[in-house]
């Protein structure tokens, strides 16, 4: 009955829990503080410095960024040339900004063409 359902739910919930090193949790909290200060993008070097300050090995920073990317906390695209050095701290801000740029397509002025060029060239 009810007890079996409860046990099944608890077993399933335990599988959802991902053990995360304390240093990684601290890294996430610091990153979150940046977004509260309206800093939406940092460089990989800045993320690395924050990670090292949180006692994360420099060579593990990419793993931490990929982990939080997979969780949807940040956006980090190490495989995209113009975004390799960028860590987007606020996925929501990025999507909203991209939406503003994309809705200008087809109604281009000199200013919007320049915005498209910057986006294309710099990511």
C-alpha atoms as a PDB file:
ATOM      1  CA  UNK A   1       0.000   0.000   0.000  1.00  0.00           C
ATOM      2  CA  UNK A   2       1.049   3.480   0.941  1.00  0.00           C
ATOM      3  CA  UNK A   3       4.283   2.399   2.653  1.00  0.00           C
ATOM      4  CA  UNK A   4       5.575   0.709  -0.526  1.00  0.00           C
ATOM      5  CA  UNK A   5       4.830   3.824  -2.580  1.00  0.00           C
ATOM      6  CA  UNK A   6       6.622   5.962  -0.003  1.00  0.00           C
ATOM      7  CA  UNK A   7       9.680   3.673  -0.021  1.00  0.00           C
ATOM      8  CA  UNK A   8       9.769   3.721  -3.830  1.00  0.00           C
ATOM      9  CA  UNK A   9       9.650   7.508  -3.877  1.00  0.00           C
ATOM     10  CA  UNK A  10      12.430   7.749  -1.285  1.00  0.00           C
ATOM     11  CA  UNK A  11      14.646   5.307  -3.234  1.00  0.00           C
ATOM     12  CA  UNK A  12      14.060   7.297  -6.406  1.00  0.00           C
ATOM     13  CA  UNK A  13      14.764  10.626  -4.650  1.00  0.00           C
ATOM     14  CA  UNK A  14      18.071   9.298  -3.295  1.00  0.00           C
ATOM     15  CA  UNK A  15      19.151   8.587  -6.867  1.00  0.00           C
ATOM     16  CA  UNK A  16      18.521  12.242  -7.758  1.00  0.00           C
ATOM     17  CA  UNK A  17      20.904  13.518  -5.103  1.00  0.00           C
ATOM     18  CA  UNK A  18      24.316  14.255  -6.552  1.00  0.00           C
ATOM     19  CA  UNK A  19      27.171  14.366  -4.106  1.00  0.00           C
ATOM     20  CA  UNK A  20      28.887  17.673  -4.678  1.00  0.00           C
ATOM     21  CA  UNK A  21      32.182  18.754  -3.112  1.00  0.00           C
ATOM     22  CA  UNK A  22      31.823  21.618  -0.643  1.00  0.00           C
ATOM     23  CA  UNK A  23      34.270  23.683  -2.689  1.00  0.00           C
ATOM     24  CA  UNK A  24      31.969  23.346  -5.720  1.00  0.00           C
ATOM     25  CA  UNK A  25      28.960  24.455  -3.653  1.00  0.00           C
ATOM     26  CA  UNK A  26      30.941  27.476  -2.433  1.00  0.00           C
ATOM     27  CA  UNK A  27      31.869  28.257  -6.051  1.00  0.00           C
ATOM     28  CA  UNK A  28      28.177  28.226  -6.991  1.00  0.00           C
ATOM     29  CA  UNK A  29      27.268  30.523  -4.090  1.00  0.00           C
ATOM     30  CA  UNK A  30      29.917  33.048  -5.150  1.00  0.00           C
ATOM     31  CA  UNK A  31      28.778  32.890  -8.768  1.00  0.00           C
ATOM     32  CA  UNK A  32      25.220  33.514  -7.562  1.00  0.00           C
ATOM     33  CA  UNK A  33      26.423  36.616  -5.688  1.00  0.00           C
ATOM     34  CA  UNK A  34      27.771  38.002  -8.974  1.00  0.00           C
ATOM     35  CA  UNK A  35      24.366  37.658 -10.627  1.00  0.00           C
ATOM     36  CA  UNK A  36      22.750  39.554  -7.745  1.00  0.00           C
ATOM     37  CA  UNK A  37      25.158  42.398  -8.592  1.00  0.00           C
ATOM     38  CA  UNK A  38      23.956  42.259 -12.234  1.00  0.00           C
ATOM     39  CA  UNK A  39      27.171  40.715 -13.504  1.00  0.00           C
ATOM     40  CA  UNK A  40      25.884  38.278 -16.096  1.00  0.00           C
ATOM     41  CA  UNK A  41      29.082  37.196 -17.833  1.00  0.00           C
ATOM     42  CA  UNK A  42      32.596  36.534 -16.583  1.00  0.00           C
ATOM     43  CA  UNK A  43      35.671  35.252 -18.348  1.00  0.00           C
ATOM     44  CA  UNK A  44      37.020  31.751 -17.930  1.00  0.00           C
ATOM     45  CA  UNK A  45      40.048  33.302 -16.185  1.00  0.00           C
ATOM     46  CA  UNK A  46      37.771  34.993 -13.651  1.00  0.00           C
ATOM     47  CA  UNK A  47      35.912  31.720 -13.068  1.00  0.00           C
ATOM     48  CA  UNK A  48      39.246  29.969 -12.621  1.00  0.00           C
ATOM     49  CA  UNK A  49      40.372  32.553 -10.047  1.00  0.00           C
ATOM     50  CA  UNK A  50      37.109  32.142  -8.139  1.00  0.00           C
ATOM     51  CA  UNK A  51      37.481  28.366  -8.282  1.00  0.00           C
ATOM     52  CA  UNK A  52      41.048  28.436  -7.023  1.00  0.00           C
ATOM     53  CA  UNK A  53      39.957  30.754  -4.184  1.00  0.00           C
ATOM     54  CA  UNK A  54      37.336  28.094  -3.334  1.00  0.00           C
ATOM     55  CA  UNK A  55      40.107  25.459  -3.150  1.00  0.00           C
ATOM     56  CA  UNK A  56      39.232  23.854  -6.497  1.00  0.00           C
ATOM     57  CA  UNK A  57      42.189  22.652  -8.525  1.00  0.00           C
ATOM     58  CA  UNK A  58      42.769  24.848 -11.580  1.00  0.00           C
ATOM     59  CA  UNK A  59      42.591  21.811 -13.866  1.00  0.00           C
ATOM     60  CA  UNK A  60      39.128  20.945 -12.483  1.00  0.00           C
ATOM     61  CA  UNK A  61      37.495  24.297 -13.238  1.00  0.00           C
ATOM     62  CA  UNK A  62      36.217  23.114 -16.627  1.00  0.00           C
ATOM     63  CA  UNK A  63      34.589  20.121 -14.915  1.00  0.00           C
ATOM     64  CA  UNK A  64      32.886  22.404 -12.390  1.00  0.00           C
ATOM     65  CA  UNK A  65      31.629  24.695 -15.152  1.00  0.00           C
ATOM     66  CA  UNK A  66      30.371  21.726 -17.191  1.00  0.00           C
ATOM     67  CA  UNK A  67      28.632  20.319 -14.093  1.00  0.00           C
ATOM     68  CA  UNK A  68      26.775  23.557 -13.389  1.00  0.00           C
ATOM     69  CA  UNK A  69      26.060  23.979 -17.107  1.00  0.00           C
ATOM     70  CA  UNK A  70      24.402  20.539 -17.133  1.00  0.00           C
ATOM     71  CA  UNK A  71      22.289  21.590 -14.145  1.00  0.00           C
ATOM     72  CA  UNK A  72      21.253  24.789 -15.944  1.00  0.00           C
ATOM     73  CA  UNK A  73      22.843  27.069 -13.365  1.00  0.00           C
ATOM     74  CA  UNK A  74      25.241  28.686 -15.853  1.00  0.00           C
ATOM     75  CA  UNK A  75      26.029  28.471 -19.550  1.00  0.00           C
ATOM     76  CA  UNK A  76      29.532  27.409 -20.526  1.00  0.00           C
ATOM     77  CA  UNK A  77      30.350  26.374 -24.074  1.00  0.00           C
ATOM     78  CA  UNK A  78      33.977  25.267 -24.201  1.00  0.00           C
ATOM     79  CA  UNK A  79      33.446  23.845 -27.707  1.00  0.00           C
ATOM     80  CA  UNK A  80      32.200  27.092 -29.313  1.00  0.00           C
ATOM     81  CA  UNK A  81      35.094  29.262 -30.466  1.00  0.00           C
ATOM     82  CA  UNK A  82      33.706  32.673 -29.519  1.00  0.00           C
ATOM     83  CA  UNK A  83      32.220  31.477 -26.232  1.00  0.00           C
ATOM     84  CA  UNK A  84      35.125  29.387 -24.905  1.00  0.00           C
ATOM     85  CA  UNK A  85      36.360  32.196 -22.716  1.00  0.00           C
ATOM     86  CA  UNK A  86      32.914  33.252 -21.474  1.00  0.00           C
ATOM     87  CA  UNK A  87      30.886  31.936 -18.574  1.00  0.00           C
ATOM     88  CA  UNK A  88      27.300  33.137 -18.686  1.00  0.00           C
ATOM     89  CA  UNK A  89      26.156  33.356 -15.096  1.00  0.00           C
ATOM     90  CA  UNK A  90      22.511  34.017 -15.853  1.00  0.00           C
ATOM     91  CA  UNK A  91      20.975  31.752 -18.491  1.00  0.00           C
ATOM     92  CA  UNK A  92      17.726  33.726 -18.220  1.00  0.00           C
ATOM     93  CA  UNK A  93      19.490  37.022 -18.988  1.00  0.00           C
ATOM     94  CA  UNK A  94      21.215  35.401 -21.970  1.00  0.00           C
ATOM     95  CA  UNK A  95      17.980  34.026 -23.430  1.00  0.00           C
ATOM     96  CA  UNK A  96      16.165  37.334 -22.941  1.00  0.00           C
ATOM     97  CA  UNK A  97      19.052  39.268 -24.538  1.00  0.00           C
ATOM     98  CA  UNK A  98      19.258  36.870 -27.447  1.00  0.00           C
ATOM     99  CA  UNK A  99      15.516  37.204 -27.953  1.00  0.00           C
ATOM    100  CA  UNK A 100      15.842  40.983 -28.166  1.00  0.00           C
ATOM    101  CA  UNK A 101      18.568  40.698 -30.791  1.00  0.00           C
ATOM    102  CA  UNK A 102      16.809  38.030 -32.835  1.00  0.00           C
ATOM    103  CA  UNK A 103      13.539  39.914 -32.985  1.00  0.00           C
ATOM    104  CA  UNK A 104      15.384  42.740 -34.755  1.00  0.00           C
ATOM    105  CA  UNK A 105      16.251  40.478 -37.675  1.00  0.00           C
ATOM    106  CA  UNK A 106      14.553  41.658 -40.839  1.00  0.00           C
ATOM    107  CA  UNK A 107      14.151  45.212 -39.522  1.00  0.00           C
ATOM    108  CA  UNK A 108      17.814  46.034 -39.632  1.00  0.00           C
ATOM    109  CA  UNK A 109      19.186  49.519 -39.442  1.00  0.00           C
ATOM    110  CA  UNK A 110      22.838  50.444 -39.375  1.00  0.00           C
ATOM    111  CA  UNK A 111      22.792  50.048 -35.580  1.00  0.00           C
ATOM    112  CA  UNK A 112      21.222  46.574 -35.631  1.00  0.00           C
ATOM    113  CA  UNK A 113      23.553  45.416 -38.428  1.00  0.00           C
ATOM    114  CA  UNK A 114      26.432  46.508 -36.225  1.00  0.00           C
ATOM    115  CA  UNK A 115      24.925  44.569 -33.283  1.00  0.00           C
ATOM    116  CA  UNK A 116      24.668  41.450 -35.486  1.00  0.00           C
ATOM    117  CA  UNK A 117      28.294  41.889 -36.580  1.00  0.00           C
ATOM    118  CA  UNK A 118      29.442  42.150 -32.953  1.00  0.00           C
ATOM    119  CA  UNK A 119      27.425  39.060 -31.986  1.00  0.00           C
ATOM    120  CA  UNK A 120      28.773  37.090 -34.954  1.00  0.00           C
ATOM    121  CA  UNK A 121      32.393  38.154 -34.413  1.00  0.00           C
ATOM    122  CA  UNK A 122      32.609  38.154 -30.640  1.00  0.00           C
ATOM    123  CA  UNK A 123      29.913  35.777 -29.504  1.00  0.00           C
END
